[in-house]
Amino acid sequence: FSRNWDEYKAGFGQPTGELWLGNDRLHQLTAGRDYQLYVELEDQEGEMAFALYSSFQVGSSEEKYRLTVSGYTGTAGDALDKHNQQFFSTRDMDNDGNEAINCAQ
C-alpha cells in the first residue's frame, strides 16, 4: 500500500479485498492484553509456511505505533525480528531513524 500516515492511522480497504484495519484500532486491540500473531504464507507452488509470535503489540500514535513482537516459532523465518521495537513509517512520516533514506518509499 502506498498511503499516508492518516490513512494508516484510520484504516482503509474492504474486508472482502485488501484491508488495513488501522493503526489506532491495532493499538486499541493489543493494548493491555496478551495477543499472539499468526501469519500463514503460501507460495506459487502451493508450499505453506507459518510464523507464530507468542506476543504481539502495537503502540499508540504517541509511540509512533511501535511494533513489539517476541516468541517466534515457525517455518517461514523470523521476518519481524529486525522490525521489533521499530516505529511505523509512511511516505509522509519518516520514523526509521535514518535521515538519509525513508524505508516507506
N, C-alpha and C. Protein backbone atom coordinates (compact mmCIF):
# COMPACT_ATOMS: atom_id res chain seq x y z
N PHE A 1 0.84 -1.18 0.00
CA PHE A 1 0.00 0.00 0.00
C PHE A 1 0.89 1.24 0.00
N SER A 2 0.53 2.20 -0.76
CA SER A 2 1.24 3.48 -0.76
C SER A 2 0.28 4.54 -0.23
N ARG A 3 0.21 4.63 1.09
CA ARG A 3 -0.75 5.53 1.75
C ARG A 3 -0.01 6.45 2.70
N ASN A 4 -0.70 7.48 3.16
CA ASN A 4 -0.08 8.42 4.09
C ASN A 4 -0.37 8.03 5.54
N TRP A 5 0.23 8.78 6.47
CA TRP A 5 0.13 8.48 7.90
C TRP A 5 -1.32 8.42 8.37
N ASP A 6 -2.11 9.42 7.99
CA ASP A 6 -3.50 9.47 8.45
C ASP A 6 -4.33 8.30 7.92
N GLU A 7 -4.05 7.86 6.70
CA GLU A 7 -4.78 6.71 6.15
C GLU A 7 -4.43 5.43 6.91
N TYR A 8 -3.15 5.23 7.20
CA TYR A 8 -2.77 4.06 8.01
C TYR A 8 -3.31 4.16 9.43
N LYS A 9 -3.39 5.36 9.96
CA LYS A 9 -3.93 5.56 11.31
C LYS A 9 -5.40 5.15 11.37
N ALA A 10 -6.19 5.58 10.39
CA ALA A 10 -7.64 5.33 10.38
C ALA A 10 -8.01 3.97 9.81
N GLY A 11 -7.22 3.46 8.88
CA GLY A 11 -7.56 2.21 8.21
C GLY A 11 -8.19 2.48 6.86
N PHE A 12 -8.16 1.46 5.99
CA PHE A 12 -8.70 1.62 4.64
C PHE A 12 -8.94 0.24 4.03
N GLY A 13 -9.69 0.23 2.94
CA GLY A 13 -9.95 -1.00 2.20
C GLY A 13 -11.26 -1.64 2.59
N GLN A 14 -11.47 -2.84 2.06
CA GLN A 14 -12.69 -3.59 2.27
C GLN A 14 -12.36 -4.98 2.82
N PRO A 15 -13.20 -5.50 3.72
CA PRO A 15 -12.94 -6.84 4.28
C PRO A 15 -12.90 -7.95 3.24
N THR A 16 -13.54 -7.74 2.10
CA THR A 16 -13.54 -8.76 1.05
C THR A 16 -12.36 -8.64 0.11
N GLY A 17 -11.51 -7.63 0.31
CA GLY A 17 -10.33 -7.42 -0.53
C GLY A 17 -9.15 -7.06 0.33
N GLU A 18 -8.35 -6.13 -0.17
CA GLU A 18 -7.22 -5.65 0.62
C GLU A 18 -7.75 -4.75 1.73
N LEU A 19 -7.22 -4.95 2.93
CA LEU A 19 -7.73 -4.22 4.10
C LEU A 19 -6.58 -3.89 5.05
N TRP A 20 -6.56 -2.65 5.52
CA TRP A 20 -5.70 -2.27 6.64
C TRP A 20 -6.64 -1.84 7.74
N LEU A 21 -6.63 -2.56 8.85
CA LEU A 21 -7.55 -2.33 9.96
C LEU A 21 -7.41 -0.94 10.56
N GLY A 22 -6.23 -0.41 10.54
CA GLY A 22 -5.95 0.92 11.10
C GLY A 22 -5.05 0.79 12.31
N ASN A 23 -4.02 1.62 12.36
CA ASN A 23 -3.07 1.55 13.47
C ASN A 23 -3.70 1.90 14.80
N ASP A 24 -4.65 2.85 14.82
CA ASP A 24 -5.34 3.15 16.08
C ASP A 24 -6.09 1.92 16.58
N ARG A 25 -6.77 1.22 15.69
CA ARG A 25 -7.51 0.01 16.09
C ARG A 25 -6.56 -1.10 16.53
N LEU A 26 -5.46 -1.27 15.81
CA LEU A 26 -4.48 -2.28 16.21
C LEU A 26 -3.94 -1.99 17.60
N HIS A 27 -3.68 -0.72 17.88
CA HIS A 27 -3.22 -0.36 19.22
C HIS A 27 -4.30 -0.66 20.26
N GLN A 28 -5.53 -0.24 20.00
CA GLN A 28 -6.62 -0.47 20.95
C GLN A 28 -6.82 -1.96 21.22
N LEU A 29 -6.71 -2.77 20.18
CA LEU A 29 -6.89 -4.21 20.34
C LEU A 29 -5.77 -4.86 21.15
N THR A 30 -4.55 -4.39 20.95
CA THR A 30 -3.40 -5.09 21.55
C THR A 30 -2.93 -4.46 22.86
N ALA A 31 -3.44 -3.30 23.23
CA ALA A 31 -3.02 -2.64 24.47
C ALA A 31 -3.63 -3.33 25.68
N GLY A 32 -2.80 -3.65 26.65
CA GLY A 32 -3.29 -4.17 27.91
C GLY A 32 -3.69 -5.63 27.91
N ARG A 33 -3.51 -6.32 26.79
CA ARG A 33 -3.81 -7.75 26.72
C ARG A 33 -2.69 -8.45 25.98
N ASP A 34 -2.56 -9.74 26.26
CA ASP A 34 -1.57 -10.54 25.53
C ASP A 34 -2.21 -11.09 24.27
N TYR A 35 -1.57 -10.83 23.14
CA TYR A 35 -2.04 -11.35 21.86
C TYR A 35 -0.92 -12.09 21.17
N GLN A 36 -1.30 -13.09 20.40
CA GLN A 36 -0.38 -13.78 19.52
C GLN A 36 -0.61 -13.27 18.10
N LEU A 37 0.42 -13.35 17.28
CA LEU A 37 0.30 -13.02 15.86
C LEU A 37 0.64 -14.27 15.07
N TYR A 38 -0.28 -14.68 14.21
CA TYR A 38 -0.06 -15.85 13.37
C TYR A 38 -0.14 -15.41 11.91
N VAL A 39 0.90 -15.71 11.14
CA VAL A 39 0.97 -15.37 9.72
C VAL A 39 1.16 -16.66 8.95
N GLU A 40 0.29 -16.89 7.98
CA GLU A 40 0.39 -18.07 7.14
C GLU A 40 0.65 -17.63 5.71
N LEU A 41 1.63 -18.25 5.07
CA LEU A 41 2.05 -17.89 3.72
C LEU A 41 1.93 -19.09 2.80
N GLU A 42 1.61 -18.81 1.54
CA GLU A 42 1.59 -19.86 0.52
C GLU A 42 2.28 -19.32 -0.72
N ASP A 43 3.27 -20.06 -1.25
CA ASP A 43 3.96 -19.61 -2.44
C ASP A 43 3.25 -20.09 -3.70
N GLN A 44 3.79 -19.75 -4.85
CA GLN A 44 3.15 -20.07 -6.12
C GLN A 44 3.05 -21.57 -6.38
N GLU A 45 3.91 -22.35 -5.75
CA GLU A 45 3.86 -23.80 -5.91
C GLU A 45 2.94 -24.47 -4.90
N GLY A 46 2.30 -23.68 -4.05
CA GLY A 46 1.39 -24.23 -3.05
C GLY A 46 2.06 -24.65 -1.76
N GLU A 47 3.35 -24.35 -1.61
CA GLU A 47 4.07 -24.67 -0.38
C GLU A 47 3.65 -23.69 0.72
N MET A 48 3.38 -24.23 1.89
CA MET A 48 2.90 -23.43 3.01
C MET A 48 4.02 -23.20 4.03
N ALA A 49 3.98 -22.06 4.68
CA ALA A 49 4.89 -21.74 5.78
C ALA A 49 4.11 -20.86 6.76
N PHE A 50 4.58 -20.83 8.01
CA PHE A 50 3.89 -20.01 9.00
C PHE A 50 4.90 -19.37 9.95
N ALA A 51 4.46 -18.29 10.56
CA ALA A 51 5.21 -17.63 11.63
C ALA A 51 4.23 -17.36 12.76
N LEU A 52 4.59 -17.77 13.96
CA LEU A 52 3.78 -17.52 15.15
C LEU A 52 4.63 -16.75 16.16
N TYR A 53 4.10 -15.63 16.61
CA TYR A 53 4.75 -14.83 17.65
C TYR A 53 3.87 -14.93 18.89
N SER A 54 4.45 -15.35 20.00
CA SER A 54 3.66 -15.55 21.21
C SER A 54 3.22 -14.24 21.84
N SER A 55 3.86 -13.14 21.47
CA SER A 55 3.48 -11.83 21.98
C SER A 55 3.51 -10.82 20.84
N PHE A 56 2.44 -10.03 20.73
CA PHE A 56 2.28 -9.05 19.65
C PHE A 56 1.59 -7.82 20.20
N GLN A 57 2.19 -6.65 19.98
CA GLN A 57 1.58 -5.40 20.44
C GLN A 57 1.97 -4.26 19.51
N VAL A 58 1.01 -3.35 19.28
CA VAL A 58 1.25 -2.13 18.52
C VAL A 58 1.06 -0.95 19.48
N GLY A 59 2.05 -0.08 19.54
CA GLY A 59 1.99 1.07 20.43
C GLY A 59 0.99 2.12 19.96
N SER A 60 0.83 3.16 20.75
CA SER A 60 -0.11 4.24 20.45
C SER A 60 0.47 5.19 19.39
N SER A 61 -0.36 6.13 18.94
CA SER A 61 0.13 7.12 17.97
C SER A 61 1.26 7.95 18.58
N GLU A 62 1.17 8.25 19.88
CA GLU A 62 2.25 8.98 20.55
C GLU A 62 3.54 8.17 20.56
N GLU A 63 3.42 6.86 20.55
CA GLU A 63 4.59 5.96 20.49
C GLU A 63 4.94 5.61 19.05
N LYS A 64 4.32 6.31 18.10
CA LYS A 64 4.56 6.12 16.67
C LYS A 64 4.27 4.68 16.25
N TYR A 65 3.28 4.08 16.90
CA TYR A 65 2.82 2.71 16.59
C TYR A 65 3.98 1.71 16.61
N ARG A 66 4.81 1.83 17.63
CA ARG A 66 5.96 0.92 17.77
C ARG A 66 5.48 -0.53 17.78
N LEU A 67 6.13 -1.36 16.97
CA LEU A 67 5.83 -2.79 16.90
C LEU A 67 6.64 -3.54 17.95
N THR A 68 5.97 -4.38 18.72
CA THR A 68 6.66 -5.23 19.69
C THR A 68 6.21 -6.67 19.46
N VAL A 69 7.15 -7.52 19.10
CA VAL A 69 6.87 -8.95 18.91
C VAL A 69 7.95 -9.75 19.61
N SER A 70 7.57 -10.96 20.06
CA SER A 70 8.55 -11.87 20.65
C SER A 70 8.00 -13.28 20.60
N GLY A 71 8.87 -14.23 20.87
CA GLY A 71 8.46 -15.62 20.96
C GLY A 71 8.18 -16.26 19.61
N TYR A 72 9.06 -16.03 18.62
CA TYR A 72 8.84 -16.60 17.29
C TYR A 72 9.01 -18.12 17.28
N THR A 73 8.10 -18.79 16.61
CA THR A 73 8.25 -20.18 16.18
C THR A 73 7.66 -20.26 14.79
N GLY A 74 8.13 -21.22 14.00
CA GLY A 74 7.54 -21.40 12.69
C GLY A 74 8.51 -21.89 11.64
N THR A 75 8.02 -21.88 10.41
CA THR A 75 8.78 -22.37 9.27
C THR A 75 9.05 -21.28 8.24
N ALA A 76 8.50 -20.09 8.44
CA ALA A 76 8.62 -19.01 7.46
C ALA A 76 9.86 -18.16 7.66
N GLY A 77 10.52 -18.29 8.80
CA GLY A 77 11.62 -17.41 9.14
C GLY A 77 11.12 -16.23 9.94
N ASP A 78 11.96 -15.71 10.79
CA ASP A 78 11.58 -14.62 11.69
C ASP A 78 11.75 -13.28 10.98
N ALA A 79 10.87 -12.98 10.05
CA ALA A 79 10.97 -11.76 9.25
C ALA A 79 10.73 -10.49 10.07
N LEU A 80 10.08 -10.58 11.21
CA LEU A 80 9.79 -9.39 12.01
C LEU A 80 10.88 -9.07 13.03
N ASP A 81 11.88 -9.93 13.16
CA ASP A 81 12.93 -9.70 14.15
C ASP A 81 13.58 -8.33 13.98
N LYS A 82 13.94 -7.97 12.75
CA LYS A 82 14.60 -6.67 12.53
C LYS A 82 13.64 -5.49 12.66
N HIS A 83 12.33 -5.75 12.70
CA HIS A 83 11.34 -4.68 12.86
C HIS A 83 10.87 -4.54 14.30
N ASN A 84 11.26 -5.48 15.16
CA ASN A 84 10.84 -5.42 16.56
C ASN A 84 11.35 -4.14 17.21
N GLN A 85 10.47 -3.48 17.94
CA GLN A 85 10.75 -2.22 18.64
C GLN A 85 10.98 -1.04 17.69
N GLN A 86 10.58 -1.19 16.43
CA GLN A 86 10.71 -0.10 15.46
C GLN A 86 9.42 0.68 15.36
N PHE A 87 9.55 1.94 14.99
CA PHE A 87 8.39 2.81 14.79
C PHE A 87 7.82 2.60 13.39
N PHE A 88 6.53 2.89 13.25
CA PHE A 88 5.85 2.79 11.97
C PHE A 88 6.22 4.01 11.11
N SER A 89 6.49 3.79 9.83
CA SER A 89 6.82 4.87 8.91
C SER A 89 5.91 4.83 7.70
N THR A 90 5.63 6.00 7.17
CA THR A 90 4.92 6.14 5.90
C THR A 90 5.70 7.11 5.03
N ARG A 91 5.26 7.27 3.80
CA ARG A 91 5.99 8.16 2.88
C ARG A 91 6.04 9.60 3.39
N ASP A 92 5.04 10.01 4.19
CA ASP A 92 4.99 11.38 4.69
C ASP A 92 5.35 11.50 6.17
N MET A 93 5.74 10.39 6.81
CA MET A 93 6.11 10.41 8.23
C MET A 93 7.23 9.38 8.42
N ASP A 94 8.46 9.86 8.28
CA ASP A 94 9.64 9.00 8.31
C ASP A 94 10.12 8.84 9.75
N ASN A 95 9.91 7.65 10.31
CA ASN A 95 10.28 7.37 11.70
C ASN A 95 11.34 6.29 11.81
N ASP A 96 12.06 6.00 10.72
CA ASP A 96 13.00 4.88 10.76
C ASP A 96 14.34 5.21 11.40
N GLY A 97 14.57 6.48 11.77
CA GLY A 97 15.81 6.85 12.44
C GLY A 97 16.98 7.07 11.52
N ASN A 98 16.78 6.95 10.21
CA ASN A 98 17.85 7.17 9.25
C ASN A 98 17.45 8.34 8.37
N GLU A 99 18.09 9.49 8.58
CA GLU A 99 17.72 10.69 7.83
C GLU A 99 18.07 10.60 6.35
N ALA A 100 18.97 9.69 5.98
CA ALA A 100 19.40 9.58 4.58
C ALA A 100 18.36 8.90 3.69
N ILE A 101 17.51 8.05 4.28
CA ILE A 101 16.51 7.33 3.49
C ILE A 101 15.19 7.29 4.25
N ASN A 102 14.13 6.96 3.54
CA ASN A 102 12.83 6.71 4.14
C ASN A 102 12.45 5.29 3.78
N CYS A 103 12.38 4.40 4.75
CA CYS A 103 12.11 2.99 4.49
C CYS A 103 10.74 2.76 3.88
N ALA A 104 9.84 3.74 3.95
CA ALA A 104 8.49 3.58 3.41
C ALA A 104 8.38 4.03 1.96
N GLN A 105 9.48 4.45 1.36
CA GLN A 105 9.42 4.88 -0.05
C GLN A 105 10.11 3.90 -0.95
